[in-house]
PDB file of N, CA and C in Angstrom:
ATOM      1  N   MET A   1     108.343  71.495 114.309  1.00  0.00           N
ATOM      2  CA  MET A   1     108.117  72.835 113.838  1.00  0.00           C
ATOM      3  C   MET A   1     108.054  72.847 112.320  1.00  0.00           C
ATOM      4  N   ALA A   2     107.070  73.538 111.791  1.00  0.00           N
ATOM      5  CA  ALA A   2     106.943  73.641 110.336  1.00  0.00           C
ATOM      6  C   ALA A   2     107.842  74.761 109.832  1.00  0.00           C
ATOM      7  N   SER A   3     108.476  74.491 108.713  1.00  0.00           N
ATOM      8  CA  SER A   3     109.357  75.525 108.169  1.00  0.00           C
ATOM      9  C   SER A   3     108.542  76.533 107.369  1.00  0.00           C
ATOM     10  N   GLN A   4     109.041  77.739 107.332  1.00  0.00           N
ATOM     11  CA  GLN A   4     108.377  78.825 106.602  1.00  0.00           C
ATOM     12  C   GLN A   4     108.640  78.667 105.111  1.00  0.00           C
ATOM     13  N   PRO A   5     107.650  78.921 104.257  1.00  0.00           N
ATOM     14  CA  PRO A   5     107.889  78.882 102.807  1.00  0.00           C
ATOM     15  C   PRO A   5     108.759  80.071 102.407  1.00  0.00           C
ATOM     16  N   PRO A   6     109.504  79.944 101.338  1.00  0.00           N
ATOM     17  CA  PRO A   6     110.344  81.066 100.915  1.00  0.00           C
ATOM     18  C   PRO A   6     109.466  82.266 100.539  1.00  0.00           C
ATOM     19  N   PRO A   7     109.992  83.477 100.729  1.00  0.00           N
ATOM     20  CA  PRO A   7     109.187  84.664 100.426  1.00  0.00           C
ATOM     21  C   PRO A   7     108.882  84.764  98.938  1.00  0.00           C
ATOM     22  N   ASN A   8     107.736  85.286  98.651  1.00  0.00           N
ATOM     23  CA  ASN A   8     107.308  85.487  97.265  1.00  0.00           C
ATOM     24  C   ASN A   8     108.183  86.574  96.644  1.00  0.00           C
ATOM     25  N   PRO A   9     108.787  86.338  95.470  1.00  0.00           N
ATOM     26  CA  PRO A   9     109.665  87.348  94.885  1.00  0.00           C
ATOM     27  C   PRO A   9     108.969  88.668  94.582  1.00  0.00           C
ATOM     28  N   SER A  10     107.663  88.645  94.339  1.00  0.00           N
ATOM     29  CA  SER A  10     106.972  89.897  94.034  1.00  0.00           C
ATOM     30  C   SER A  10     106.756  90.747  95.283  1.00  0.00           C
ATOM     31  N   ASN A  11     106.906  90.153  96.476  1.00  0.00           N
ATOM     32  CA  ASN A  11     106.703  90.889  97.716  1.00  0.00           C
ATOM     33  C   ASN A  11     108.003  91.401  98.323  1.00  0.00           C
ATOM     34  N   ARG A  12     109.126  91.036  97.776  1.00  0.00           N
ATOM     35  CA  ARG A  12     110.382  91.480  98.372  1.00  0.00           C
ATOM     36  C   ARG A  12     110.654  92.945  98.018  1.00  0.00           C
ATOM     37  N   PRO A  13     111.443  93.626  98.847  1.00  0.00           N
ATOM     38  CA  PRO A  13     111.750  95.033  98.567  1.00  0.00           C
ATOM     39  C   PRO A  13     112.531  95.176  97.271  1.00  0.00           C
ATOM     40  N   LYS A  14     112.410  96.342  96.671  1.00  0.00           N
ATOM     41  CA  LYS A  14     113.110  96.583  95.413  1.00  0.00           C
ATOM     42  C   LYS A  14     114.614  96.562  95.641  1.00  0.00           C
ATOM     43  N   THR A  15     115.313  96.076  94.651  1.00  0.00           N
ATOM     44  CA  THR A  15     116.761  96.048  94.746  1.00  0.00           C
ATOM     45  C   THR A  15     117.312  97.419  94.422  1.00  0.00           C
ATOM     46  N   ALA A  16     118.573  97.593  94.704  1.00  0.00           N
ATOM     47  CA  ALA A  16     119.229  98.872  94.441  1.00  0.00           C
ATOM     48  C   ALA A  16     119.235  99.184  92.948  1.00  0.00           C
ATOM     49  N   LEU A  17     119.298  98.156  92.128  1.00  0.00           N
ATOM     50  CA  LEU A  17     119.330  98.371  90.685  1.00  0.00           C
ATOM     51  C   LEU A  17     118.009  98.924  90.159  1.00  0.00           C
ATOM     52  N   THR A  18     116.892  98.434  90.664  1.00  0.00           N
ATOM     53  CA  THR A  18     115.608  98.963  90.214  1.00  0.00           C
ATOM     54  C   THR A  18     115.386 100.373  90.753  1.00  0.00           C
ATOM     55  N   GLN A  19     115.879 100.666  91.948  1.00  0.00           N
ATOM     56  CA  GLN A  19     115.775 102.021  92.474  1.00  0.00           C
ATOM     57  C   GLN A  19     116.635 102.979  91.662  1.00  0.00           C
ATOM     58  N   LEU A  20     117.798 102.523  91.233  1.00  0.00           N
ATOM     59  CA  LEU A  20     118.657 103.342  90.390  1.00  0.00           C
ATOM     60  C   LEU A  20     117.994 103.608  89.045  1.00  0.00           C
ATOM     61  N   ALA A  21     117.347 102.600  88.487  1.00  0.00           N
ATOM     62  CA  ALA A  21     116.652 102.777  87.202  1.00  0.00           C
ATOM     63  C   ALA A  21     115.540 103.807  87.334  1.00  0.00           C
ATOM     64  N   LEU A  22     114.806 103.774  88.430  1.00  0.00           N
ATOM     65  CA  LEU A  22     113.748 104.756  88.655  1.00  0.00           C
ATOM     66  C   LEU A  22     114.336 106.156  88.806  1.00  0.00           C
ATOM     67  N   ALA A  23     115.433 106.273  89.537  1.00  0.00           N
ATOM     68  CA  ALA A  23     116.067 107.577  89.722  1.00  0.00           C
ATOM     69  C   ALA A  23     116.620 108.136  88.416  1.00  0.00           C
ATOM     70  N   MET A  24     117.090 107.278  87.529  1.00  0.00           N
ATOM     71  CA  MET A  24     117.612 107.741  86.245  1.00  0.00           C
ATOM     72  C   MET A  24     116.478 108.106  85.290  1.00  0.00           C
ATOM     73  N   GLU A  25     115.316 107.540  85.482  1.00  0.00           N
ATOM     74  CA  GLU A  25     114.174 107.777  84.606  1.00  0.00           C
ATOM     75  C   GLU A  25     113.486 109.103  84.897  1.00  0.00           C
ATOM     76  N   LEU A  26     113.483 109.545  86.143  1.00  0.00           N
ATOM     77  CA  LEU A  26     112.709 110.709  86.558  1.00  0.00           C
ATOM     78  C   LEU A  26     113.119 112.011  85.875  1.00  0.00           C
ATOM     79  N   PRO A  27     114.407 112.338  85.718  1.00  0.00           N
ATOM     80  CA  PRO A  27     114.742 113.587  85.010  1.00  0.00           C
ATOM     81  C   PRO A  27     114.280 113.600  83.563  1.00  0.00           C
ATOM     82  N   PHE A  28     114.296 112.462  82.908  1.00  0.00           N
ATOM     83  CA  PHE A  28     113.844 112.404  81.526  1.00  0.00           C
ATOM     84  C   PHE A  28     112.342 112.644  81.419  1.00  0.00           C
ATOM     85  N   ILE A  29     111.592 112.219  82.418  1.00  0.00           N
ATOM     86  CA  ILE A  29     110.159 112.473  82.449  1.00  0.00           C
ATOM     87  C   ILE A  29     109.906 113.974  82.545  1.00  0.00           C
ATOM     88  N   MET A  30     110.650 114.633  83.428  1.00  0.00           N
ATOM     89  CA  MET A  30     110.473 116.068  83.619  1.00  0.00           C
ATOM     90  C   MET A  30     110.856 116.845  82.356  1.00  0.00           C
ATOM     91  N   ILE A  31     111.999 116.550  81.802  1.00  0.00           N
ATOM     92  CA  ILE A  31     112.471 117.256  80.611  1.00  0.00           C
ATOM     93  C   ILE A  31     111.546 116.970  79.429  1.00  0.00           C
ATOM     94  N   GLY A  32     111.099 115.730  79.308  1.00  0.00           N
ATOM     95  CA  GLY A  32     110.213 115.366  78.211  1.00  0.00           C
ATOM     96  C   GLY A  32     108.898 116.133  78.256  1.00  0.00           C
ATOM     97  N   GLY A  33     108.335 116.310  79.438  1.00  0.00           N
ATOM     98  CA  GLY A  33     107.080 117.050  79.559  1.00  0.00           C
ATOM     99  C   GLY A  33     107.232 118.499  79.129  1.00  0.00           C
ATOM    100  N   VAL A  34     108.321 119.124  79.557  1.00  0.00           N
ATOM    101  CA  VAL A  34     108.552 120.526  79.199  1.00  0.00           C
ATOM    102  C   VAL A  34     108.821 120.660  77.705  1.00  0.00           C
ATOM    103  N   VAL A  35     109.637 119.768  77.146  1.00  0.00           N
ATOM    104  CA  VAL A  35     109.975 119.850  75.725  1.00  0.00           C
ATOM    105  C   VAL A  35     108.742 119.592  74.851  1.00  0.00           C
ATOM    106  N   ILE A  36     107.965 118.590  75.185  1.00  0.00           N
ATOM    107  CA  ILE A  36     106.774 118.292  74.387  1.00  0.00           C
ATOM    108  C   ILE A  36     105.750 119.425  74.509  1.00  0.00           C
ATOM    109  N   GLY A  37     105.498 119.893  75.731  1.00  0.00           N
ATOM    110  CA  GLY A  37     104.551 120.992  75.915  1.00  0.00           C
ATOM    111  C   GLY A  37     105.026 122.273  75.244  1.00  0.00           C
ATOM    112  N   GLY A  38     106.299 122.626  75.437  1.00  0.00           N
ATOM    113  CA  GLY A  38     106.832 123.825  74.812  1.00  0.00           C
ATOM    114  C   GLY A  38     106.874 123.722  73.297  1.00  0.00           C
ATOM    115  N   GLY A  39     107.196 122.550  72.786  1.00  0.00           N
ATOM    116  CA  GLY A  39     107.216 122.347  71.334  1.00  0.00           C
ATOM    117  C   GLY A  39     105.834 122.479  70.725  1.00  0.00           C
ATOM    118  N   PHE A  40     104.842 121.923  71.414  1.00  0.00           N
ATOM    119  CA  PHE A  40     103.469 122.048  70.939  1.00  0.00           C
ATOM    120  C   PHE A  40     103.026 123.510  70.964  1.00  0.00           C
ATOM    121  N   GLY A  41     103.379 124.225  72.050  1.00  0.00           N
ATOM    122  CA  GLY A  41     103.057 125.643  72.133  1.00  0.00           C
ATOM    123  C   GLY A  41     103.773 126.454  71.073  1.00  0.00           C
ATOM    124  N   TYR A  42     105.003 126.106  70.780  1.00  0.00           N
ATOM    125  CA  TYR A  42     105.752 126.800  69.728  1.00  0.00           C
ATOM    126  C   TYR A  42     105.089 126.586  68.367  1.00  0.00           C
ATOM    127  N   PHE A  43     104.668 125.359  68.112  1.00  0.00           N
ATOM    128  CA  PHE A  43     103.958 125.063  66.865  1.00  0.00           C
ATOM    129  C   PHE A  43     102.684 125.908  66.749  1.00  0.00           C
ATOM    130  N   LEU A  44     101.929 125.985  67.847  1.00  0.00           N
ATOM    131  CA  LEU A  44     100.707 126.792  67.822  1.00  0.00           C
ATOM    132  C   LEU A  44     101.026 128.279  67.679  1.00  0.00           C
ATOM    133  N   ASP A  45     102.127 128.743  68.296  1.00  0.00           N
ATOM    134  CA  ASP A  45     102.544 130.133  68.134  1.00  0.00           C
ATOM    135  C   ASP A  45     102.853 130.445  66.679  1.00  0.00           C
ATOM    136  N   GLN A  46     103.522 129.548  66.003  1.00  0.00           N
ATOM    137  CA  GLN A  46     103.837 129.755  64.591  1.00  0.00           C
ATOM    138  C   GLN A  46     102.569 129.746  63.746  1.00  0.00           C
ATOM    139  N   ARG A  47     101.640 128.916  64.100  1.00  0.00           N
ATOM    140  CA  ARG A  47     100.402 128.778  63.327  1.00  0.00           C
ATOM    141  C   ARG A  47      99.489 129.990  63.496  1.00  0.00           C
ATOM    142  N   PHE A  48      99.368 130.489  64.748  1.00  0.00           N
ATOM    143  CA  PHE A  48      98.428 131.568  65.039  1.00  0.00           C
ATOM    144  C   PHE A  48      99.094 132.927  65.240  1.00  0.00           C
ATOM    145  N   HIS A  49     100.421 133.002  65.080  1.00  0.00           N
ATOM    146  CA  HIS A  49     101.187 134.254  65.207  1.00  0.00           C
ATOM    147  C   HIS A  49     100.930 134.938  66.549  1.00  0.00           C
ATOM    148  N   THR A  50     101.086 134.186  67.621  1.00  0.00           N
ATOM    149  CA  THR A  50     100.813 134.720  68.961  1.00  0.00           C
ATOM    150  C   THR A  50     102.076 135.022  69.750  1.00  0.00           C
ATOM    151  N   GLY A  51     103.235 134.894  69.156  1.00  0.00           N
ATOM    152  CA  GLY A  51     104.471 135.146  69.892  1.00  0.00           C
ATOM    153  C   GLY A  51     104.787 133.992  70.817  1.00  0.00           C
ATOM    154  N   PRO A  52     105.558 134.238  71.853  1.00  0.00           N
ATOM    155  CA  PRO A  52     105.960 133.108  72.718  1.00  0.00           C
ATOM    156  C   PRO A  52     104.929 132.744  73.779  1.00  0.00           C
ATOM    157  N   MET A  53     103.746 133.366  73.721  1.00  0.00           N
ATOM    158  CA  MET A  53     102.766 133.156  74.785  1.00  0.00           C
ATOM    159  C   MET A  53     102.343 131.687  74.921  1.00  0.00           C
ATOM    160  N   LEU A  54     101.961 131.047  73.846  1.00  0.00           N
ATOM    161  CA  LEU A  54     101.486 129.665  73.933  1.00  0.00           C
ATOM    162  C   LEU A  54     102.620 128.696  74.262  1.00  0.00           C
ATOM    163  N   ALA A  55     103.825 128.989  73.789  1.00  0.00           N
ATOM    164  CA  ALA A  55     104.959 128.133  74.123  1.00  0.00           C
ATOM    165  C   ALA A  55     105.216 128.164  75.624  1.00  0.00           C
ATOM    166  N   LEU A  56     105.105 129.337  76.240  1.00  0.00           N
ATOM    167  CA  LEU A  56     105.287 129.435  77.687  1.00  0.00           C
ATOM    168  C   LEU A  56     104.168 128.730  78.445  1.00  0.00           C
ATOM    169  N   VAL A  57     102.944 128.924  78.007  1.00  0.00           N
ATOM    170  CA  VAL A  57     101.801 128.310  78.693  1.00  0.00           C
ATOM    171  C   VAL A  57     101.888 126.787  78.617  1.00  0.00           C
ATOM    172  N   PHE A  58     102.120 126.272  77.406  1.00  0.00           N
ATOM    173  CA  PHE A  58     102.186 124.818  77.263  1.00  0.00           C
ATOM    174  C   PHE A  58     103.458 124.242  77.885  1.00  0.00           C
ATOM    175  N   GLY A  59     104.539 125.026  77.919  1.00  0.00           N
ATOM    176  CA  GLY A  59     105.743 124.583  78.618  1.00  0.00           C
ATOM    177  C   GLY A  59     105.489 124.437  80.111  1.00  0.00           C
ATOM    178  N   LEU A  60     104.757 125.398  80.693  1.00  0.00           N
ATOM    179  CA  LEU A  60     104.406 125.303  82.112  1.00  0.00           C
ATOM    180  C   LEU A  60     103.446 124.148  82.373  1.00  0.00           C
ATOM    181  N   LEU A  61     102.520 123.926  81.452  1.00  0.00           N
ATOM    182  CA  LEU A  61     101.631 122.764  81.593  1.00  0.00           C
ATOM    183  C   LEU A  61     102.420 121.455  81.523  1.00  0.00           C
ATOM    184  N   GLY A  62     103.418 121.407  80.637  1.00  0.00           N
ATOM    185  CA  GLY A  62     104.286 120.232  80.555  1.00  0.00           C
ATOM    186  C   GLY A  62     105.083 120.038  81.829  1.00  0.00           C
ATOM    187  N   PHE A  63     105.531 121.137  82.425  1.00  0.00           N
ATOM    188  CA  PHE A  63     106.246 121.064  83.702  1.00  0.00           C
ATOM    189  C   PHE A  63     105.341 120.491  84.785  1.00  0.00           C
ATOM    190  N   GLY A  64     104.107 120.991  84.842  1.00  0.00           N
ATOM    191  CA  GLY A  64     103.148 120.472  85.827  1.00  0.00           C
ATOM    192  C   GLY A  64     102.838 119.007  85.599  1.00  0.00           C
ATOM    193  N   ALA A  65     102.699 118.622  84.337  1.00  0.00           N
ATOM    194  CA  ALA A  65     102.435 117.213  84.034  1.00  0.00           C
ATOM    195  C   ALA A  65     103.621 116.336  84.424  1.00  0.00           C
ATOM    196  N   GLY A  66     104.836 116.849  84.231  1.00  0.00           N
ATOM    197  CA  GLY A  66     106.027 116.098  84.635  1.00  0.00           C
ATOM    198  C   GLY A  66     106.089 115.907  86.137  1.00  0.00           C
ATOM    199  N   ILE A  67     105.800 116.959  86.892  1.00  0.00           N
ATOM    200  CA  ILE A  67     105.778 116.852  88.357  1.00  0.00           C
ATOM    201  C   ILE A  67     104.715 115.857  88.801  1.00  0.00           C
ATOM    202  N   TRP A  68     103.525 115.948  88.187  1.00  0.00           N
ATOM    203  CA  TRP A  68     102.440 115.042  88.558  1.00  0.00           C
ATOM    204  C   TRP A  68     102.826 113.585  88.285  1.00  0.00           C
ATOM    205  N   ASP A  69     103.466 113.334  87.143  1.00  0.00           N
ATOM    206  CA  ASP A  69     103.853 111.972  86.794  1.00  0.00           C
ATOM    207  C   ASP A  69     104.943 111.453  87.732  1.00  0.00           C
ATOM    208  N   ILE A  70     105.878 112.313  88.113  1.00  0.00           N
ATOM    209  CA  ILE A  70     106.929 111.895  89.046  1.00  0.00           C
ATOM    210  C   ILE A  70     106.329 111.541  90.395  1.00  0.00           C
ATOM    211  N   VAL A  71     105.434 112.378  90.904  1.00  0.00           N
ATOM    212  CA  VAL A  71     104.790 112.095  92.196  1.00  0.00           C
ATOM    213  C   VAL A  71     103.997 110.800  92.119  1.00  0.00           C
ATOM    214  N   ARG A  72     103.290 110.592  91.011  1.00  0.00           N
ATOM    215  CA  ARG A  72     102.502 109.364  90.840  1.00  0.00           C
ATOM    216  C   ARG A  72     103.405 108.132  90.832  1.00  0.00           C
ATOM    217  N   ARG A  73     104.521 108.213  90.096  1.00  0.00           N
ATOM    218  CA  ARG A  73     105.428 107.065  90.025  1.00  0.00           C
ATOM    219  C   ARG A  73     106.085 106.784  91.366  1.00  0.00           C
ATOM    220  N   LEU A  74     106.483 107.835  92.080  1.00  0.00           N
ATOM    221  CA  LEU A  74     107.127 107.627  93.375  1.00  0.00           C
ATOM    222  C   LEU A  74     106.152 107.079  94.404  1.00  0.00           C
ATOM    223  N   SER A  75     104.912 107.538  94.389  1.00  0.00           N
ATOM    224  CA  SER A  75     103.939 107.003  95.344  1.00  0.00           C
ATOM    225  C   SER A  75     103.606 105.546  95.027  1.00  0.00           C
ATOM    226  N   ARG A  76     103.542 105.211  93.730  1.00  0.00           N
ATOM    227  CA  ARG A  76     103.289 103.819  93.349  1.00  0.00           C
ATOM    228  C   ARG A  76     104.469 102.941  93.750  1.00  0.00           C
ATOM    229  N   SER A  77     105.680 103.455  93.586  1.00  0.00           N
ATOM    230  CA  SER A  77     106.867 102.704  93.957  1.00  0.00           C
ATOM    231  C   SER A  77     106.921 102.491  95.469  1.00  0.00           C
ATOM    232  N   GLU A  78     106.532 103.511  96.217  1.00  0.00           N
ATOM    233  CA  GLU A  78     106.534 103.413  97.677  1.00  0.00           C
ATOM    234  C   GLU A  78     105.495 102.401  98.155  1.00  0.00           C
ATOM    235  N   LYS A  79     104.341 102.384  97.506  1.00  0.00           N
ATOM    236  CA  LYS A  79     103.306 101.421  97.889  1.00  0.00           C
ATOM    237  C   LYS A  79     103.750  99.995  97.593  1.00  0.00           C
ATOM    238  N   SER A  80     104.434  99.766  96.473  1.00  0.00           N
ATOM    239  CA  SER A  80     104.841  98.415  96.140  1.00  0.00           C
ATOM    240  C   SER A  80     105.989  97.938  97.016  1.00  0.00           C
ATOM    241  N   ASP A  81     106.757  98.873  97.600  1.00  0.00           N
ATOM    242  CA  ASP A  81     107.815  98.494  98.524  1.00  0.00           C
ATOM    243  C   ASP A  81     107.268  98.019  99.857  1.00  0.00           C
ATOM    244  N   GLY A  82     106.088  98.481 100.204  1.00  0.00           N
ATOM    245  CA  GLY A  82     105.516  98.167 101.503  1.00  0.00           C
ATOM    246  C   GLY A  82     106.028  99.094 102.557  1.00  0.00           C
ATOM    247  N   SER A  83     106.626 100.211 102.155  1.00  0.00           N
ATOM    248  CA  SER A  83     107.123 101.192 103.110  1.00  0.00           C
ATOM    249  C   SER A  83     105.943 101.938 103.708  1.00  0.00           C
ATOM    250  N   PRO A  84     106.072 102.397 104.958  1.00  0.00           N
ATOM    251  CA  PRO A  84     104.970 103.158 105.577  1.00  0.00           C
ATOM    252  C   PRO A  84     104.833 104.531 104.979  1.00  0.00           C
TER     253      PRO A  84
END
């Protein structure tokens, strides 16, 4: 009987430590999107004297971008795990 070669390290499931790192990274992605979008909107509000309107709009866009990035990262992580 021929012995099986050892599994390729790139094909093995993620360890608990890498999953923990991903879980710790996700809130910062969300907060960063809102802060950057809201900050940019605040800057434009100060420049064009529009009140808080642009800060709210860009803050919501940052929130949407954060959600999109989290979903993208989680789906990529799920695909690399080989999970169904």
